[in-house]
Protein backbone atom coordinates (compact mmCIF):
# COMPACT_ATOMS: atom_id res chain seq x y z
CA MET A 1 -77.42 -109.17 1.82
CA LEU A 2 -75.71 -105.80 1.38
CA THR A 3 -77.61 -102.57 1.90
CA ARG A 4 -76.82 -98.91 2.42
CA ALA A 5 -78.32 -97.11 5.43
CA SER A 6 -79.60 -93.53 5.33
CA ASP A 7 -76.30 -92.30 6.85
CA GLY A 8 -74.42 -93.83 3.89
CA SER A 9 -72.94 -96.75 5.80
CA VAL A 10 -72.97 -100.21 4.25
CA LYS A 11 -74.76 -102.97 6.16
CA ALA A 12 -74.41 -106.71 5.60
CA PHE A 13 -76.58 -109.44 7.04
CA ASP A 14 -77.70 -112.96 6.24
CA ASN A 15 -80.54 -113.23 3.76
CA VAL A 16 -82.76 -115.25 6.11
CA CYS A 17 -85.86 -114.45 8.12
CA LEU A 18 -85.60 -114.79 11.91
CA HIS A 19 -88.92 -116.61 12.03
CA ARG A 20 -88.52 -119.68 9.80
CA GLN A 21 -85.13 -119.03 8.19
CA SER A 22 -86.73 -118.52 4.78
CA GLN A 23 -84.80 -116.60 2.15
CA VAL A 24 -86.00 -112.99 2.32
CA VAL A 25 -84.96 -111.73 -1.13
CA SER A 26 -83.63 -113.19 -4.35
CA GLY A 27 -81.70 -111.35 -7.01
CA CYS A 28 -80.54 -107.75 -6.97
CA GLY A 29 -82.39 -104.48 -6.69
CA THR A 30 -83.09 -101.49 -4.50
CA ALA A 31 -85.43 -101.34 -1.53
CA LYS A 32 -85.72 -99.68 1.87
CA ARG A 33 -87.58 -102.64 3.37
CA PHE A 34 -87.50 -106.36 2.75
CA THR A 35 -90.44 -108.68 3.39
CA CYS A 36 -90.15 -112.41 3.92
CA PRO A 37 -92.51 -114.26 1.57
CA TYR A 38 -93.32 -116.92 4.19
CA HIS A 39 -95.14 -114.95 6.92
CA ALA A 40 -94.45 -111.34 5.82
CA TRP A 41 -91.99 -110.37 8.54
CA THR A 42 -90.47 -107.09 7.33
CA TYR A 43 -86.91 -105.84 7.87
CA ASP A 44 -85.47 -102.38 7.26
CA ASN A 45 -82.26 -101.76 5.34
CA THR A 46 -80.15 -102.02 8.51
CA GLY A 47 -81.36 -105.57 9.23
CA ARG A 48 -83.74 -104.63 12.05
CA LEU A 49 -87.12 -106.28 12.19
CA ALA A 50 -89.54 -103.50 11.26
CA GLY A 51 -92.92 -105.23 11.20
CA LEU A 52 -94.79 -108.30 12.33
CA PRO A 53 -98.20 -109.02 10.76
CA GLY A 54 -100.92 -109.16 13.39
CA ARG A 55 -98.70 -107.52 16.02
CA GLU A 56 -99.07 -103.88 15.14
CA GLY A 57 -98.67 -102.82 18.79
CA CYS A 58 -95.37 -104.68 19.13
CA SER A 59 -92.14 -102.78 18.57
CA PRO A 60 -89.62 -105.30 17.25
CA SER A 61 -86.85 -102.71 17.09
CA ALA A 62 -87.33 -101.92 20.78
CA ALA A 63 -86.92 -105.62 21.50
CA GLY A 64 -83.60 -105.50 19.62
CA TRP A 65 -84.52 -108.17 17.09
CA THR A 66 -82.21 -108.00 14.08
CA SER A 67 -81.43 -110.27 11.22
CA PRO A 68 -78.49 -112.55 11.99
CA GLY A 69 -75.20 -111.34 10.60
CA THR A 70 -71.55 -110.84 11.35
CA ASN A 71 -69.70 -107.57 11.84
CA ARG A 72 -66.11 -107.85 10.65
CA ASN A 73 -63.45 -105.15 10.69
CA GLY A 74 -65.71 -102.52 12.22
C-alpha cells in the first residue's frame, strides 16, 4: 500500500493486518485510516496501528505496533 503522510512523505507498507494477515484494502482511493474487515483493526496512513476494538484504553502506537513493510533507499 502507498500512502502520503501529513508531512508530504510517501509511506509504503504491506496490505495485510497484523492480527490475522487479512487484506486491509482493495482497489484504489483516498483515506486517512484503513480498517481491516476481519476484526476492525484500524491503521493510520503511516502504517501505525491506530485502533483496536474493545481496547479503547490501549495505545497501540505507544506499543510501536506497525504494519509490516520494508524501507528501501531511505
